[in-house]
Every structure is written in C-alpha cells, then in structure tokens.
C-alpha cells in the first residue's frame, strides 16, 4: 500500500467532496494497528488505534482574507473550462451542420423550381413543337453545381 502525503491528501479531498454540503465540520483520520488509514465523520471506537480529529472549514468568513485556491480546486476549474470550451465547439458545429442542411434543402428547391423553363428559354419549332435553348441548360447546370457544392460542404462537416 502506498502511503504518501499526496495519497492522503487525495483521499481526504475525495472524502470531503463525497460528503457534500451536509458535511459536519469535523472529520476523523484513524490509523489502525496494521497501519491502514481510514477517514470518517464519526469518531472511531476507543482502543482501535490512533485517531486524529481534522477540522474542516467550508470557506473564509467575510472578515477573513481569501486564500489561494487549492490545487485540486484549480484542476477542477481547468477541467470545467475545457468542458465548457468543448460544449461551445460542439454547439457551433451543430449550428454549422444545421445551416449546411438548410442550404442543401434550399438549393434542392431552387433546382426543382429551376427545371421549369423561363420565358425566352424555349424556341418554337414548326408544327407546334419547341426545344430548349442552351441558356436553359446552362442555368440548370449552374443550379446543379451549387447544390453539389452545398452537399459537399455538408459532407465535410459530417465526416
């Protein structure tokens, strides 16, 4: 069993955090005859080894100066900051994906609507027949290219 001050500090920190806000203002550190360390909020039975009472302060009062944060608290803040940054990045990515999906939907609608020839894009032929002019095919090809670009943008975000 590793018995270092750091291990004891970590165990004490975990114990304090696990007990939460309902924690009493005292914790007992008990070392039994085999050298095992136990932390508890109740005093150990007499004669079972050495017990030390540890006072826990929930924080400085208004008239006491604030102390530098403990290392575990600083690490928790760093983790919280990283989590917040990650959540912000995920939200931004979700918004970009939603915008890209909207763009694809709009470009599909534009392509479907664009398949209807505009005035001047049909050329009349004898016997009541007509054919589409090159301007129509250029316009539809442009709409198809814009849709393909939007789909490629969406695929890049999803992959």
Protein backbone atom coordinates (compact mmCIF):
# COMPACT_ATOMS: atom_id res chain seq x y z
CA UNK A 1 0.00 0.00 0.00
CA UNK A 2 1.37 3.42 -0.96
CA UNK A 3 1.43 5.83 1.96
CA UNK A 4 2.45 9.24 0.79
CA UNK A 5 1.18 12.66 1.85
CA UNK A 6 -0.19 13.16 -1.67
CA UNK A 7 -2.22 9.94 -1.45
CA UNK A 8 -3.60 11.00 1.92
CA UNK A 9 -4.44 14.47 0.57
CA UNK A 10 -6.24 12.95 -2.41
CA UNK A 11 -8.20 10.57 -0.19
CA UNK A 12 -9.13 13.40 2.16
CA UNK A 13 -10.19 15.60 -0.76
CA UNK A 14 -12.32 12.82 -2.23
CA UNK A 15 -13.90 12.15 1.14
CA UNK A 16 -14.73 15.81 1.68
CA UNK A 17 -16.18 16.18 -1.82
CA UNK A 18 -18.20 12.97 -1.47
CA UNK A 19 -19.81 14.09 1.74
CA UNK A 20 -21.03 17.30 0.06
CA UNK A 21 -22.59 20.29 1.70
CA UNK A 22 -24.11 18.25 4.54
CA UNK A 23 -20.60 17.52 5.80
CA UNK A 24 -20.02 18.08 9.50
CA UNK A 25 -17.27 20.46 10.45
CA UNK A 26 -15.05 17.59 11.68
CA UNK A 27 -13.55 14.52 10.05
CA UNK A 28 -11.59 11.82 11.87
CA UNK A 29 -8.44 10.22 10.50
CA UNK A 30 -7.94 6.80 12.02
CA UNK A 31 -4.79 4.67 11.73
CA UNK A 32 -5.41 1.10 12.89
CA UNK A 33 -2.81 -1.24 14.37
CA UNK A 34 -1.95 -2.56 10.85
CA UNK A 35 -1.22 0.98 9.65
CA UNK A 36 -4.31 1.33 7.47
CA UNK A 37 -5.70 4.87 7.25
CA UNK A 38 -9.45 5.48 7.34
CA UNK A 39 -11.37 8.77 7.16
CA UNK A 40 -14.80 9.11 8.73
CA UNK A 41 -17.22 11.73 10.02
CA UNK A 42 -17.74 9.71 13.22
CA UNK A 43 -15.03 9.05 15.81
CA UNK A 44 -13.62 5.51 15.84
CA UNK A 45 -14.13 3.16 18.78
CA UNK A 46 -11.61 3.67 21.57
CA UNK A 47 -8.58 1.38 21.63
CA UNK A 48 -8.58 0.52 17.92
CA UNK A 49 -5.53 2.56 17.01
CA UNK A 50 -4.66 6.23 16.70
CA UNK A 51 -7.38 8.76 15.77
CA UNK A 52 -6.88 12.39 14.77
CA UNK A 53 -9.67 14.94 14.54
CA UNK A 54 -9.47 17.18 11.47
CA UNK A 55 -11.42 20.43 11.36
CA UNK A 56 -12.97 21.33 8.03
CA UNK A 57 -13.78 24.91 7.18
CA UNK A 58 -16.32 25.47 4.45
CA UNK A 59 -14.68 28.73 3.43
CA UNK A 60 -13.37 32.02 4.73
CA UNK A 61 -15.78 34.27 6.56
CA UNK A 62 -16.40 37.83 5.44
CA UNK A 63 -13.73 39.23 7.75
CA UNK A 64 -11.04 36.68 6.77
CA UNK A 65 -8.91 37.11 3.65
CA UNK A 66 -9.44 34.58 0.89
CA UNK A 67 -6.61 32.08 0.40
CA UNK A 68 -5.13 30.89 -2.84
CA UNK A 69 -7.19 28.03 -4.30
CA UNK A 70 -6.01 24.54 -3.56
CA UNK A 71 -4.53 22.56 -6.40
CA UNK A 72 -7.48 20.14 -6.77
CA UNK A 73 -9.91 23.07 -6.98
CA UNK A 74 -7.76 24.69 -9.65
CA UNK A 75 -7.69 21.45 -11.63
CA UNK A 76 -11.46 21.20 -11.40
CA UNK A 77 -11.78 24.74 -12.76
CA UNK A 78 -9.43 23.85 -15.60
CA UNK A 79 -11.50 20.77 -16.40
CA UNK A 80 -14.69 22.84 -16.24
CA UNK A 81 -13.15 25.37 -18.62
CA UNK A 82 -12.17 22.62 -21.06
CA UNK A 83 -15.66 21.11 -20.86
CA UNK A 84 -17.27 24.50 -21.48
CA UNK A 85 -14.97 25.10 -24.43
CA UNK A 86 -15.81 21.66 -25.84
CA UNK A 87 -19.56 22.22 -25.39
CA UNK A 88 -19.25 25.59 -27.13
CA UNK A 89 -17.36 23.97 -30.02
CA UNK A 90 -19.97 21.19 -30.27
CA UNK A 91 -22.80 23.74 -30.35
CA UNK A 92 -21.03 25.76 -33.04
CA UNK A 93 -20.52 22.59 -35.10
CA UNK A 94 -24.18 21.63 -34.67
CA UNK A 95 -25.20 25.12 -35.83
CA UNK A 96 -22.93 24.88 -38.89
CA UNK A 97 -24.39 21.45 -39.73
CA UNK A 98 -27.95 22.78 -39.39
CA UNK A 99 -27.09 25.75 -41.62
CA UNK A 100 -25.48 23.44 -44.20
CA UNK A 101 -28.56 21.17 -44.20
CA UNK A 102 -30.78 24.22 -44.68
CA UNK A 103 -28.59 25.37 -47.57
CA UNK A 104 -28.84 21.93 -49.23
CA UNK A 105 -32.63 21.97 -48.85
CA UNK A 106 -32.86 25.47 -50.34
CA UNK A 107 -30.59 24.57 -53.26
CA UNK A 108 -32.66 21.42 -53.98
CA UNK A 109 -35.83 23.51 -54.03
CA UNK A 110 -34.13 26.05 -56.30
CA UNK A 111 -33.04 23.26 -58.67
CA UNK A 112 -36.54 21.79 -58.81
CA UNK A 113 -38.06 25.20 -59.43
CA UNK A 114 -35.31 25.98 -61.95
CA UNK A 115 -36.19 22.98 -64.11
CA UNK A 116 -39.21 24.90 -65.34
CA UNK A 117 -38.07 26.88 -68.41
CA UNK A 118 -38.14 30.64 -68.08
CA UNK A 119 -39.63 32.87 -70.77
CA UNK A 120 -37.22 33.00 -73.70
CA UNK A 121 -35.57 29.66 -72.90
CA UNK A 122 -37.81 27.79 -75.36
CA UNK A 123 -37.52 28.08 -79.07
CA UNK A 124 -40.61 27.49 -81.12
CA UNK A 125 -40.44 24.96 -83.96
CA UNK A 126 -42.84 24.18 -86.83
CA UNK A 127 -45.89 22.04 -86.16
CA UNK A 128 -46.33 23.40 -82.58
CA UNK A 129 -43.18 21.86 -81.26
CA UNK A 130 -40.43 23.57 -79.24
CA UNK A 131 -36.97 22.92 -77.91
CA UNK A 132 -34.99 24.30 -75.03
CA UNK A 133 -32.24 26.81 -75.73
CA UNK A 134 -28.66 26.49 -74.41
CA UNK A 135 -29.34 29.22 -71.81
CA UNK A 136 -31.77 26.86 -70.04
CA UNK A 137 -29.18 24.07 -69.82
CA UNK A 138 -26.52 26.49 -68.55
CA UNK A 139 -28.85 27.80 -65.85
CA UNK A 140 -29.82 24.27 -64.70
CA UNK A 141 -26.15 23.17 -64.74
CA UNK A 142 -25.32 26.17 -62.55
CA UNK A 143 -28.11 25.21 -60.09
CA UNK A 144 -26.85 21.60 -60.03
CA UNK A 145 -23.29 22.78 -59.34
CA UNK A 146 -24.48 25.00 -56.48
CA UNK A 147 -26.38 22.02 -55.00
CA UNK A 148 -23.30 19.79 -55.34
CA UNK A 149 -21.19 22.43 -53.54
CA UNK A 150 -23.71 22.63 -50.68
CA UNK A 151 -23.81 18.83 -50.40
CA UNK A 152 -20.01 18.65 -50.34
CA UNK A 153 -19.92 21.29 -47.58
CA UNK A 154 -22.42 19.27 -45.53
CA UNK A 155 -20.48 16.03 -46.10
CA UNK A 156 -17.27 17.73 -44.93
CA UNK A 157 -18.97 18.80 -41.70
CA UNK A 158 -20.42 15.33 -41.07
CA UNK A 159 -17.16 13.48 -41.70
